[in-house]
């Protein structure tokens, strides 16, 4: 078991190094002059050259790469080309809104998927099951930004309960501002989870130990929640960990739809401004979060199912 953990950590280190290399190469291949972007189009060339030398972008590619790795290991993501402020601080200022969105979106997605999958498995072949399956197919086909716009038009504007955009300043404002974006993310991610969990629930219900429990007179509702659901959870956890990573990229669309000042909208702004240090910093953070979600999913699978822990 210890050897397996060491191997997994080693693979994570190698993967992160690969992400760093890809991010660095993309930043180097991107068009634009850092000194010119920071000083402006009217700055004298001598000043631009001096700033490029200070930033180290006139050094060899190999030297720049190891300097970049060293800065990352010391927690330094560089300075933004557009504002000249440290990227670390800019990312931290935007992390709060994204964290709210991810936590709320994942929570709603789990509640929705577990509820719908359980109902579909319990009432298999009925109109309830058909309706839920139709919902999953429709939700997969609908673009995320369109779902967000529909919620704005059908819920936010007619009722006035939720703001159309922004994040507010108080905790109450945060709650109101995050509801519709979280629902949008949940609608986008729940259908896959519903389909996987429903299939695993039906497989568990047809297994021998569930049939044995049913022969002893155990009610079907208890069979579903106490016997089938825990055994169907392991494959679902793997899917949820992957979907959690997808939430990060869905946040890019949702944050721009609802004008949330998070990492997703910051990434789009940085792309339009060719602010490569900011682009690289957010991309690297997203990669670390995706890998972390995968590790958490593996750990939860091992906790729920001892067979996974042994393997």
C-alpha atoms as a PDB file:
ATOM      1  CA  UNK A   1       0.000   0.000   0.000  1.00  0.00           C
ATOM      2  CA  UNK A   2       2.849   2.378   0.906  1.00  0.00           C
ATOM      3  CA  UNK A   3       4.579   1.540  -2.370  1.00  0.00           C
ATOM      4  CA  UNK A   4       1.394   2.347  -4.263  1.00  0.00           C
ATOM      5  CA  UNK A   5       1.119   5.730  -2.542  1.00  0.00           C
ATOM      6  CA  UNK A   6       4.766   6.536  -3.359  1.00  0.00           C
ATOM      7  CA  UNK A   7       4.233   5.582  -7.005  1.00  0.00           C
ATOM      8  CA  UNK A   8       1.141   7.747  -7.239  1.00  0.00           C
ATOM      9  CA  UNK A   9       2.915  10.747  -5.698  1.00  0.00           C
ATOM     10  CA  UNK A  10       5.831  10.252  -8.085  1.00  0.00           C
ATOM     11  CA  UNK A  11       3.436  10.218 -11.049  1.00  0.00           C
ATOM     12  CA  UNK A  12       1.846  13.429  -9.749  1.00  0.00           C
ATOM     13  CA  UNK A  13       5.254  15.134  -9.563  1.00  0.00           C
ATOM     14  CA  UNK A  14       6.071  14.042 -13.120  1.00  0.00           C
ATOM     15  CA  UNK A  15       2.669  15.208 -14.349  1.00  0.00           C
ATOM     16  CA  UNK A  16       3.053  18.618 -12.692  1.00  0.00           C
ATOM     17  CA  UNK A  17       6.502  19.001 -14.210  1.00  0.00           C
ATOM     18  CA  UNK A  18       5.010  18.231 -17.617  1.00  0.00           C
ATOM     19  CA  UNK A  19       2.280  20.828 -17.054  1.00  0.00           C
ATOM     20  CA  UNK A  20       4.906  23.412 -16.089  1.00  0.00           C
ATOM     21  CA  UNK A  21       6.887  22.636 -19.241  1.00  0.00           C
ATOM     22  CA  UNK A  22       3.818  22.915 -21.497  1.00  0.00           C
ATOM     23  CA  UNK A  23       2.695  26.184 -19.856  1.00  0.00           C
ATOM     24  CA  UNK A  24       6.188  27.633 -20.204  1.00  0.00           C
ATOM     25  CA  UNK A  25       6.534  26.628 -23.878  1.00  0.00           C
ATOM     26  CA  UNK A  26       3.111  28.050 -24.746  1.00  0.00           C
ATOM     27  CA  UNK A  27       4.044  31.303 -23.030  1.00  0.00           C
ATOM     28  CA  UNK A  28       7.309  31.472 -24.957  1.00  0.00           C
ATOM     29  CA  UNK A  29       5.676  30.716 -28.294  1.00  0.00           C
ATOM     30  CA  UNK A  30       2.929  33.275 -27.776  1.00  0.00           C
ATOM     31  CA  UNK A  31       3.241  36.530 -29.747  1.00  0.00           C
ATOM     32  CA  UNK A  32       4.070  39.821 -28.070  1.00  0.00           C
ATOM     33  CA  UNK A  33       6.929  41.587 -26.304  1.00  0.00           C
ATOM     34  CA  UNK A  34       6.687  41.650 -22.474  1.00  0.00           C
ATOM     35  CA  UNK A  35       8.615  44.902 -22.132  1.00  0.00           C
ATOM     36  CA  UNK A  36       6.537  46.584 -24.797  1.00  0.00           C
ATOM     37  CA  UNK A  37       3.292  45.371 -23.242  1.00  0.00           C
ATOM     38  CA  UNK A  38       4.274  46.688 -19.812  1.00  0.00           C
ATOM     39  CA  UNK A  39       5.623  50.084 -20.950  1.00  0.00           C
ATOM     40  CA  UNK A  40       3.225  50.759 -23.795  1.00  0.00           C
ATOM     41  CA  UNK A  41       3.539  51.315 -27.520  1.00  0.00           C
ATOM     42  CA  UNK A  42       5.100  54.784 -27.188  1.00  0.00           C
ATOM     43  CA  UNK A  43       7.922  53.757 -24.833  1.00  0.00           C
ATOM     44  CA  UNK A  44      11.480  54.135 -26.199  1.00  0.00           C
ATOM     45  CA  UNK A  45      13.160  50.953 -27.371  1.00  0.00           C
ATOM     46  CA  UNK A  46      16.038  51.379 -24.871  1.00  0.00           C
ATOM     47  CA  UNK A  47      13.570  51.294 -21.986  1.00  0.00           C
ATOM     48  CA  UNK A  48      11.846  48.241 -23.452  1.00  0.00           C
ATOM     49  CA  UNK A  49      15.156  46.416 -23.854  1.00  0.00           C
ATOM     50  CA  UNK A  50      16.167  47.300 -20.297  1.00  0.00           C
ATOM     51  CA  UNK A  51      12.873  45.961 -18.908  1.00  0.00           C
ATOM     52  CA  UNK A  52      13.155  42.765 -20.958  1.00  0.00           C
ATOM     53  CA  UNK A  53      16.651  42.276 -19.543  1.00  0.00           C
ATOM     54  CA  UNK A  54      15.315  42.829 -16.013  1.00  0.00           C
ATOM     55  CA  UNK A  55      12.543  40.307 -16.623  1.00  0.00           C
ATOM     56  CA  UNK A  56      15.081  37.845 -18.023  1.00  0.00           C
ATOM     57  CA  UNK A  57      13.243  37.256 -21.296  1.00  0.00           C
ATOM     58  CA  UNK A  58      16.373  38.011 -23.331  1.00  0.00           C
ATOM     59  CA  UNK A  59      18.211  35.021 -21.869  1.00  0.00           C
ATOM     60  CA  UNK A  60      18.403  31.560 -23.433  1.00  0.00           C
ATOM     61  CA  UNK A  61      15.284  29.411 -23.449  1.00  0.00           C
ATOM     62  CA  UNK A  62      16.851  26.790 -21.178  1.00  0.00           C
ATOM     63  CA  UNK A  63      17.959  29.409 -18.625  1.00  0.00           C
ATOM     64  CA  UNK A  64      14.516  30.977 -18.631  1.00  0.00           C
ATOM     65  CA  UNK A  65      12.888  27.582 -18.094  1.00  0.00           C
ATOM     66  CA  UNK A  66      14.914  26.698 -15.004  1.00  0.00           C
ATOM     67  CA  UNK A  67      14.441  30.212 -13.670  1.00  0.00           C
ATOM     68  CA  UNK A  68      10.695  29.779 -14.217  1.00  0.00           C
ATOM     69  CA  UNK A  69      10.726  26.442 -12.372  1.00  0.00           C
ATOM     70  CA  UNK A  70      12.696  27.982  -9.519  1.00  0.00           C
ATOM     71  CA  UNK A  71      10.257  30.892  -9.219  1.00  0.00           C
ATOM     72  CA  UNK A  72       7.298  28.496  -9.204  1.00  0.00           C
ATOM     73  CA  UNK A  73       8.894  26.403  -6.449  1.00  0.00           C
ATOM     74  CA  UNK A  74       9.285  29.606  -4.406  1.00  0.00           C
ATOM     75  CA  UNK A  75       5.656  30.517  -5.036  1.00  0.00           C
ATOM     76  CA  UNK A  76       6.414  33.351  -7.446  1.00  0.00           C
ATOM     77  CA  UNK A  77       4.165  33.384 -10.524  1.00  0.00           C
ATOM     78  CA  UNK A  78       5.600  36.624 -11.894  1.00  0.00           C
ATOM     79  CA  UNK A  79       3.970  39.983 -12.554  1.00  0.00           C
ATOM     80  CA  UNK A  80       0.977  40.761 -14.691  1.00  0.00           C
ATOM     81  CA  UNK A  81       1.757  42.476 -17.990  1.00  0.00           C
ATOM     82  CA  UNK A  82      -1.423  44.548 -17.854  1.00  0.00           C
ATOM     83  CA  UNK A  83      -1.283  45.811 -14.244  1.00  0.00           C
ATOM     84  CA  UNK A  84       2.351  45.137 -13.210  1.00  0.00           C
ATOM     85  CA  UNK A  85       0.992  43.576  -9.995  1.00  0.00           C
ATOM     86  CA  UNK A  86       2.082  40.150  -8.668  1.00  0.00           C
ATOM     87  CA  UNK A  87       0.084  37.354 -10.271  1.00  0.00           C
ATOM     88  CA  UNK A  88      -0.168  35.607  -6.885  1.00  0.00           C
ATOM     89  CA  UNK A  89      -2.194  38.463  -5.446  1.00  0.00           C
ATOM     90  CA  UNK A  90      -4.402  38.814  -8.504  1.00  0.00           C
ATOM     91  CA  UNK A  91      -5.231  35.105  -8.446  1.00  0.00           C
ATOM     92  CA  UNK A  92      -5.946  35.162  -4.719  1.00  0.00           C
ATOM     93  CA  UNK A  93      -8.332  38.123  -5.161  1.00  0.00           C
ATOM     94  CA  UNK A  94     -10.316  36.113  -7.708  1.00  0.00           C
ATOM     95  CA  UNK A  95     -10.122  32.740  -5.990  1.00  0.00           C
ATOM     96  CA  UNK A  96     -12.947  33.472  -3.534  1.00  0.00           C
ATOM     97  CA  UNK A  97     -15.680  33.729  -6.172  1.00  0.00           C
ATOM     98  CA  UNK A  98     -14.456  30.612  -7.988  1.00  0.00           C
ATOM     99  CA  UNK A  99     -14.289  28.624  -4.740  1.00  0.00           C
ATOM    100  CA  UNK A 100     -17.881  29.569  -3.910  1.00  0.00           C
ATOM    101  CA  UNK A 101     -18.983  28.550  -7.406  1.00  0.00           C
ATOM    102  CA  UNK A 102     -17.164  25.201  -7.383  1.00  0.00           C
ATOM    103  CA  UNK A 103     -18.346  24.152  -3.921  1.00  0.00           C
ATOM    104  CA  UNK A 104     -21.957  25.186  -4.551  1.00  0.00           C
ATOM    105  CA  UNK A 105     -22.004  23.711  -8.067  1.00  0.00           C
ATOM    106  CA  UNK A 106     -20.534  20.380  -6.950  1.00  0.00           C
ATOM    107  CA  UNK A 107     -22.900  20.150  -3.954  1.00  0.00           C
ATOM    108  CA  UNK A 108     -25.986  20.828  -6.092  1.00  0.00           C
ATOM    109  CA  UNK A 109     -24.720  18.414  -8.738  1.00  0.00           C
ATOM    110  CA  UNK A 110     -24.337  15.612  -6.185  1.00  0.00           C
ATOM    111  CA  UNK A 111     -27.748  16.258  -4.631  1.00  0.00           C
ATOM    112  CA  UNK A 112     -29.412  16.327  -8.047  1.00  0.00           C
ATOM    113  CA  UNK A 113     -27.614  13.260  -9.417  1.00  0.00           C
ATOM    114  CA  UNK A 114     -28.114  11.051  -6.344  1.00  0.00           C
ATOM    115  CA  UNK A 115     -31.805  11.971  -6.118  1.00  0.00           C
ATOM    116  CA  UNK A 116     -32.564  11.456  -9.803  1.00  0.00           C
ATOM    117  CA  UNK A 117     -30.482   8.286 -10.151  1.00  0.00           C
ATOM    118  CA  UNK A 118     -32.135   6.719  -7.106  1.00  0.00           C
ATOM    119  CA  UNK A 119     -35.621   7.560  -8.390  1.00  0.00           C
ATOM    120  CA  UNK A 120     -34.788   6.251 -11.882  1.00  0.00           C
ATOM    121  CA  UNK A 121     -33.444   2.973 -10.489  1.00  0.00           C
ATOM    122  CA  UNK A 122     -36.336   2.482  -8.084  1.00  0.00           C
ATOM    123  CA  UNK A 123     -39.003   3.179 -10.724  1.00  0.00           C
ATOM    124  CA  UNK A 124     -37.208   1.581 -13.659  1.00  0.00           C
ATOM    125  CA  UNK A 125     -39.284   1.410 -16.827  1.00  0.00           C
ATOM    126  CA  UNK A 126     -41.942   3.848 -15.580  1.00  0.00           C
ATOM    127  CA  UNK A 127     -42.668   7.387 -16.723  1.00  0.00           C
ATOM    128  CA  UNK A 128     -40.462   8.672 -13.894  1.00  0.00           C
ATOM    129  CA  UNK A 129     -37.464   6.786 -15.250  1.00  0.00           C
ATOM    130  CA  UNK A 130     -38.238   7.922 -18.800  1.00  0.00           C
ATOM    131  CA  UNK A 131     -38.546  11.568 -17.747  1.00  0.00           C
ATOM    132  CA  UNK A 132     -35.238  11.490 -15.869  1.00  0.00           C
ATOM    133  CA  UNK A 133     -33.450   9.870 -18.805  1.00  0.00           C
ATOM    134  CA  UNK A 134     -34.923  12.480 -21.142  1.00  0.00           C
ATOM    135  CA  UNK A 135     -33.661  15.199 -18.794  1.00  0.00           C
ATOM    136  CA  UNK A 136     -30.132  13.798 -18.875  1.00  0.00           C
ATOM    137  CA  UNK A 137     -30.065  13.598 -22.684  1.00  0.00           C
ATOM    138  CA  UNK A 138     -31.440  17.131 -23.046  1.00  0.00           C
ATOM    139  CA  UNK A 139     -29.063  18.615 -20.465  1.00  0.00           C
ATOM    140  CA  UNK A 140     -26.023  17.074 -22.135  1.00  0.00           C
ATOM    141  CA  UNK A 141     -27.059  18.623 -25.464  1.00  0.00           C
ATOM    142  CA  UNK A 142     -27.714  22.120 -24.087  1.00  0.00           C
ATOM    143  CA  UNK A 143     -24.681  24.482 -24.011  1.00  0.00           C
ATOM    144  CA  UNK A 144     -23.755  25.777 -20.559  1.00  0.00           C
ATOM    145  CA  UNK A 145     -23.959  29.454 -21.476  1.00  0.00           C
ATOM    146  CA  UNK A 146     -27.451  28.947 -22.906  1.00  0.00           C
ATOM    147  CA  UNK A 147     -28.659  27.348 -19.661  1.00  0.00           C
ATOM    148  CA  UNK A 148     -27.272  30.327 -17.768  1.00  0.00           C
ATOM    149  CA  UNK A 149     -29.019  32.812 -20.054  1.00  0.00           C
ATOM    150  CA  UNK A 150     -32.308  30.908 -19.673  1.00  0.00           C
ATOM    151  CA  UNK A 151     -32.025  31.084 -15.886  1.00  0.00           C
ATOM    152  CA  UNK A 152     -31.402  34.824 -16.126  1.00  0.00           C
ATOM    153  CA  UNK A 153     -34.408  35.361 -18.413  1.00  0.00           C
ATOM    154  CA  UNK A 154     -36.818  32.962 -16.667  1.00  0.00           C
ATOM    155  CA  UNK A 155     -35.790  33.298 -13.016  1.00  0.00           C
ATOM    156  CA  UNK A 156     -33.553  36.267 -12.226  1.00  0.00           C
ATOM    157  CA  UNK A 157     -35.343  38.972 -14.214  1.00  0.00           C
ATOM    158  CA  UNK A 158     -39.014  38.015 -13.506  1.00  0.00           C
ATOM    159  CA  UNK A 159     -38.573  37.342  -9.775  1.00  0.00           C
ATOM    160  CA  UNK A 160     -35.758  39.683  -8.772  1.00  0.00           C
ATOM    161  CA  UNK A 161     -34.647  37.138  -6.173  1.00  0.00           C
ATOM    162  CA  UNK A 162     -31.184  36.736  -7.619  1.00  0.00           C
ATOM    163  CA  UNK A 163     -28.836  39.296  -9.185  1.00  0.00           C
ATOM    164  CA  UNK A 164     -28.161  39.086 -12.905  1.00  0.00           C
ATOM    165  CA  UNK A 165     -24.426  39.497 -12.374  1.00  0.00           C
ATOM    166  CA  UNK A 166     -21.714  40.366  -9.877  1.00  0.00           C
ATOM    167  CA  UNK A 167     -20.686  38.785  -6.594  1.00  0.00           C
ATOM    168  CA  UNK A 168     -21.630  41.375  -3.982  1.00  0.00           C
ATOM    169  CA  UNK A 169     -19.675  42.338  -0.871  1.00  0.00           C
ATOM    170  CA  UNK A 170     -21.401  40.557   2.018  1.00  0.00           C
ATOM    171  CA  UNK A 171     -21.929  36.860   2.722  1.00  0.00           C
ATOM    172  CA  UNK A 172     -25.653  37.215   2.006  1.00  0.00           C
ATOM    173  CA  UNK A 173     -24.826  38.812  -1.358  1.00  0.00           C
ATOM    174  CA  UNK A 174     -22.454  35.947  -2.124  1.00  0.00           C
ATOM    175  CA  UNK A 175     -25.199  33.385  -1.435  1.00  0.00           C
ATOM    176  CA  UNK A 176     -27.695  35.177  -3.674  1.00  0.00           C
ATOM    177  CA  UNK A 177     -25.168  35.759  -6.435  1.00  0.00           C
ATOM    178  CA  UNK A 178     -23.933  32.167  -6.558  1.00  0.00           C
ATOM    179  CA  UNK A 179     -27.289  30.331  -6.705  1.00  0.00           C
ATOM    180  CA  UNK A 180     -28.000  30.620 -10.434  1.00  0.00           C
ATOM    181  CA  UNK A 181     -24.366  30.066 -11.531  1.00  0.00           C
ATOM    182  CA  UNK A 182     -24.214  26.960  -9.308  1.00  0.00           C
ATOM    183  CA  UNK A 183     -27.483  25.654 -10.754  1.00  0.00           C
ATOM    184  CA  UNK A 184     -26.074  26.203 -14.247  1.00  0.00           C
ATOM    185  CA  UNK A 185     -22.974  24.154 -13.416  1.00  0.00           C
ATOM    186  CA  UNK A 186     -25.075  21.451 -11.760  1.00  0.00           C
ATOM    187  CA  UNK A 187     -27.296  21.126 -14.842  1.00  0.00           C
ATOM    188  CA  UNK A 188     -24.185  20.759 -16.994  1.00  0.00           C
ATOM    189  CA  UNK A 189     -22.462  18.099 -14.869  1.00  0.00           C
ATOM    190  CA  UNK A 190     -25.263  16.108 -13.209  1.00  0.00           C
ATOM    191  CA  UNK A 191     -26.520  14.193 -16.307  1.00  0.00           C
ATOM    192  CA  UNK A 192     -23.349  12.097 -16.674  1.00  0.00           C
ATOM    193  CA  UNK A 193     -23.386  11.323 -12.955  1.00  0.00           C
ATOM    194  CA  UNK A 194     -27.067  10.344 -13.121  1.00  0.00           C
ATOM    195  CA  UNK A 195     -26.481   7.932 -16.007  1.00  0.00           C
ATOM    196  CA  UNK A 196     -23.471   6.280 -14.374  1.00  0.00           C
ATOM    197  CA  UNK A 197     -25.058   6.012 -10.937  1.00  0.00           C
ATOM    198  CA  UNK A 198     -28.349   4.699 -12.325  1.00  0.00           C
ATOM    199  CA  UNK A 199     -26.547   1.975 -14.304  1.00  0.00           C
ATOM    200  CA  UNK A 200     -24.515   0.924 -11.269  1.00  0.00           C
ATOM    201  CA  UNK A 201     -27.579   0.930  -9.022  1.00  0.00           C
ATOM    202  CA  UNK A 202     -29.439  -1.351 -11.411  1.00  0.00           C
ATOM    203  CA  UNK A 203     -26.431  -3.659 -11.578  1.00  0.00           C
ATOM    204  CA  UNK A 204     -26.211  -3.775  -7.791  1.00  0.00           C
ATOM    205  CA  UNK A 205     -29.936  -4.439  -7.464  1.00  0.00           C
ATOM    206  CA  UNK A 206     -29.526  -7.472  -9.686  1.00  0.00           C
ATOM    207  CA  UNK A 207     -26.618  -8.932  -7.718  1.00  0.00           C
ATOM    208  CA  UNK A 208     -26.898 -12.039  -5.553  1.00  0.00           C
ATOM    209  CA  UNK A 209     -26.528 -10.395  -2.145  1.00  0.00           C
ATOM    210  CA  UNK A 210     -29.341  -7.930  -2.889  1.00  0.00           C
ATOM    211  CA  UNK A 211     -31.607 -10.736  -4.101  1.00  0.00           C
ATOM    212  CA  UNK A 212     -30.771 -12.672  -0.925  1.00  0.00           C
ATOM    213  CA  UNK A 213     -31.703  -9.656   1.189  1.00  0.00           C
ATOM    214  CA  UNK A 214     -34.937  -9.257  -0.772  1.00  0.00           C
ATOM    215  CA  UNK A 215     -35.803 -12.899  -0.152  1.00  0.00           C
ATOM    216  CA  UNK A 216     -35.547 -12.189   3.591  1.00  0.00           C
ATOM    217  CA  UNK A 217     -38.246  -9.550   3.258  1.00  0.00           C
ATOM    218  CA  UNK A 218     -36.065  -6.421   3.236  1.00  0.00           C
ATOM    219  CA  UNK A 219     -38.109  -3.532   1.759  1.00  0.00           C
ATOM    220  CA  UNK A 220     -37.077  -2.376  -1.720  1.00  0.00           C
ATOM    221  CA  UNK A 221     -36.402   1.156  -0.490  1.00  0.00           C
ATOM    222  CA  UNK A 222     -33.942  -0.164   2.085  1.00  0.00           C
ATOM    223  CA  UNK A 223     -32.374  -2.455  -0.502  1.00  0.00           C
ATOM    224  CA  UNK A 224     -31.741   0.572  -2.653  1.00  0.00           C
ATOM    225  CA  UNK A 225     -30.345   2.930  -0.015  1.00  0.00           C
ATOM    226  CA  UNK A 226     -28.563   0.521   2.355  1.00  0.00           C
ATOM    227  CA  UNK A 227     -27.285  -2.187  -0.009  1.00  0.00           C
ATOM    228  CA  UNK A 228     -27.191  -1.063  -3.642  1.00  0.00           C
ATOM    229  CA  UNK A 229     -26.207   2.595  -3.228  1.00  0.00           C
ATOM    230  CA  UNK A 230     -22.964   2.062  -1.230  1.00  0.00           C
ATOM    231  CA  UNK A 231     -21.747  -0.545  -3.739  1.00  0.00           C
ATOM    232  CA  UNK A 232     -22.611   1.710  -6.675  1.00  0.00           C
ATOM    233  CA  UNK A 233     -20.749   4.631  -5.102  1.00  0.00           C
ATOM    234  CA  UNK A 234     -17.203   3.605  -6.092  1.00  0.00           C
ATOM    235  CA  UNK A 235     -17.603   4.009  -9.899  1.00  0.00           C
ATOM    236  CA  UNK A 236     -19.652   7.144  -9.259  1.00  0.00           C
ATOM    237  CA  UNK A 237     -16.837   8.650  -7.146  1.00  0.00           C
ATOM    238  CA  UNK A 238     -14.434   8.261 -10.061  1.00  0.00           C
ATOM    239  CA  UNK A 239     -16.879  10.038 -12.356  1.00  0.00           C
ATOM    240  CA  UNK A 240     -17.487  12.823  -9.831  1.00  0.00           C
ATOM    241  CA  UNK A 241     -13.743  13.424  -9.441  1.00  0.00           C
ATOM    242  CA  UNK A 242     -13.478  13.830 -13.216  1.00  0.00           C
ATOM    243  CA  UNK A 243     -16.563  16.052 -13.294  1.00  0.00           C
ATOM    244  CA  UNK A 244     -15.083  18.208 -10.521  1.00  0.00           C
ATOM    245  CA  UNK A 245     -12.207  18.963 -12.867  1.00  0.00           C
ATOM    246  CA  UNK A 246     -14.712  19.760 -15.598  1.00  0.00           C
ATOM    247  CA  UNK A 247     -16.359  22.257 -13.253  1.00  0.00           C
ATOM    248  CA  UNK A 248     -13.218  24.394 -13.430  1.00  0.00           C
ATOM    249  CA  UNK A 249     -13.528  24.780 -17.177  1.00  0.00           C
ATOM    250  CA  UNK A 250     -17.290  25.188 -16.924  1.00  0.00           C
ATOM    251  CA  UNK A 251     -16.587  28.010 -14.478  1.00  0.00           C
ATOM    252  CA  UNK A 252     -14.850  29.915 -17.290  1.00  0.00           C
ATOM    253  CA  UNK A 253     -18.146  30.023 -19.212  1.00  0.00           C
ATOM    254  CA  UNK A 254     -20.436  30.490 -16.209  1.00  0.00           C
ATOM    255  CA  UNK A 255     -18.387  33.273 -14.626  1.00  0.00           C
ATOM    256  CA  UNK A 256     -18.439  35.233 -17.869  1.00  0.00           C
ATOM    257  CA  UNK A 257     -22.173  34.607 -18.301  1.00  0.00           C
ATOM    258  CA  UNK A 258     -22.982  35.918 -14.816  1.00  0.00           C
ATOM    259  CA  UNK A 259     -20.064  38.401 -14.621  1.00  0.00           C
ATOM    260  CA  UNK A 260     -18.541  36.769 -11.562  1.00  0.00           C
ATOM    261  CA  UNK A 261     -15.072  38.145 -10.712  1.00  0.00           C
ATOM    262  CA  UNK A 262     -13.461  34.703 -10.501  1.00  0.00           C
ATOM    263  CA  UNK A 263     -10.553  32.876 -12.072  1.00  0.00           C
ATOM    264  CA  UNK A 264     -12.559  31.915 -15.154  1.00  0.00           C
ATOM    265  CA  UNK A 265     -13.433  35.490 -16.078  1.00  0.00           C
ATOM    266  CA  UNK A 266      -9.879  36.505 -15.135  1.00  0.00           C
ATOM    267  CA  UNK A 267      -8.523  33.936 -17.587  1.00  0.00           C
ATOM    268  CA  UNK A 268     -10.667  35.306 -20.426  1.00  0.00           C
ATOM    269  CA  UNK A 269      -9.604  38.875 -19.591  1.00  0.00           C
ATOM    270  CA  UNK A 270      -5.942  37.851 -19.508  1.00  0.00           C
ATOM    271  CA  UNK A 271      -6.286  36.163 -22.904  1.00  0.00           C
ATOM    272  CA  UNK A 272      -7.806  39.286 -24.488  1.00  0.00           C
ATOM    273  CA  UNK A 273      -4.978  41.402 -23.003  1.00  0.00           C
ATOM    274  CA  UNK A 274      -2.251  38.863 -23.851  1.00  0.00           C
ATOM    275  CA  UNK A 275      -1.276  38.852 -20.189  1.00  0.00           C
ATOM    276  CA  UNK A 276       0.772  35.648 -20.350  1.00  0.00           C
ATOM    277  CA  UNK A 277       1.984  35.518 -16.714  1.00  0.00           C
ATOM    278  CA  UNK A 278      -1.661  35.688 -15.597  1.00  0.00           C
ATOM    279  CA  UNK A 279      -2.683  33.078 -18.181  1.00  0.00           C
ATOM    280  CA  UNK A 280       0.121  30.766 -17.088  1.00  0.00           C
ATOM    281  CA  UNK A 281      -0.651  31.233 -13.391  1.00  0.00           C
ATOM    282  CA  UNK A 282      -4.355  30.433 -13.711  1.00  0.00           C
ATOM    283  CA  UNK A 283      -3.665  27.501 -16.063  1.00  0.00           C
ATOM    284  CA  UNK A 284      -1.152  26.056 -13.627  1.00  0.00           C
ATOM    285  CA  UNK A 285      -3.581  26.447 -10.724  1.00  0.00           C
ATOM    286  CA  UNK A 286      -6.321  24.714 -12.714  1.00  0.00           C
ATOM    287  CA  UNK A 287      -3.961  21.819 -13.477  1.00  0.00           C
ATOM    288  CA  UNK A 288      -3.046  21.451  -9.795  1.00  0.00           C
ATOM    289  CA  UNK A 289      -6.733  21.462  -8.817  1.00  0.00           C
ATOM    290  CA  UNK A 290      -7.645  18.840 -11.429  1.00  0.00           C
ATOM    291  CA  UNK A 291      -4.857  16.558 -10.189  1.00  0.00           C
ATOM    292  CA  UNK A 292      -5.950  17.161  -6.588  1.00  0.00           C
ATOM    293  CA  UNK A 293      -9.545  16.229  -7.402  1.00  0.00           C
ATOM    294  CA  UNK A 294      -8.301  12.986  -8.947  1.00  0.00           C
ATOM    295  CA  UNK A 295      -6.253  12.151  -5.845  1.00  0.00           C
ATOM    296  CA  UNK A 296      -9.193  12.917  -3.567  1.00  0.00           C
ATOM    297  CA  UNK A 297     -11.405  10.670  -5.699  1.00  0.00           C
ATOM    298  CA  UNK A 298      -8.914   7.804  -5.400  1.00  0.00           C
ATOM    299  CA  UNK A 299      -8.699   8.269  -1.640  1.00  0.00           C
ATOM    300  CA  UNK A 300     -12.498   8.289  -1.235  1.00  0.00           C
ATOM    301  CA  UNK A 301     -12.796   5.162  -3.386  1.00  0.00           C
ATOM    302  CA  UNK A 302     -10.272   3.391  -1.139  1.00  0.00           C
ATOM    303  CA  UNK A 303     -12.180   4.470   1.974  1.00  0.00           C
ATOM    304  CA  UNK A 304     -15.560   3.338   0.636  1.00  0.00           C
ATOM    305  CA  UNK A 305     -14.360   0.044  -0.897  1.00  0.00           C
ATOM    306  CA  UNK A 306     -11.567  -1.903   0.860  1.00  0.00           C
ATOM    307  CA  UNK A 307     -10.927  -3.843  -2.374  1.00  0.00           C
ATOM    308  CA  UNK A 308      -9.674  -0.632  -3.988  1.00  0.00           C
ATOM    309  CA  UNK A 309      -7.383  -0.004  -1.011  1.00  0.00           C
ATOM    310  CA  UNK A 310      -5.918  -3.496  -1.259  1.00  0.00           C
ATOM    311  CA  UNK A 311      -5.388  -3.277  -5.031  1.00  0.00           C
END
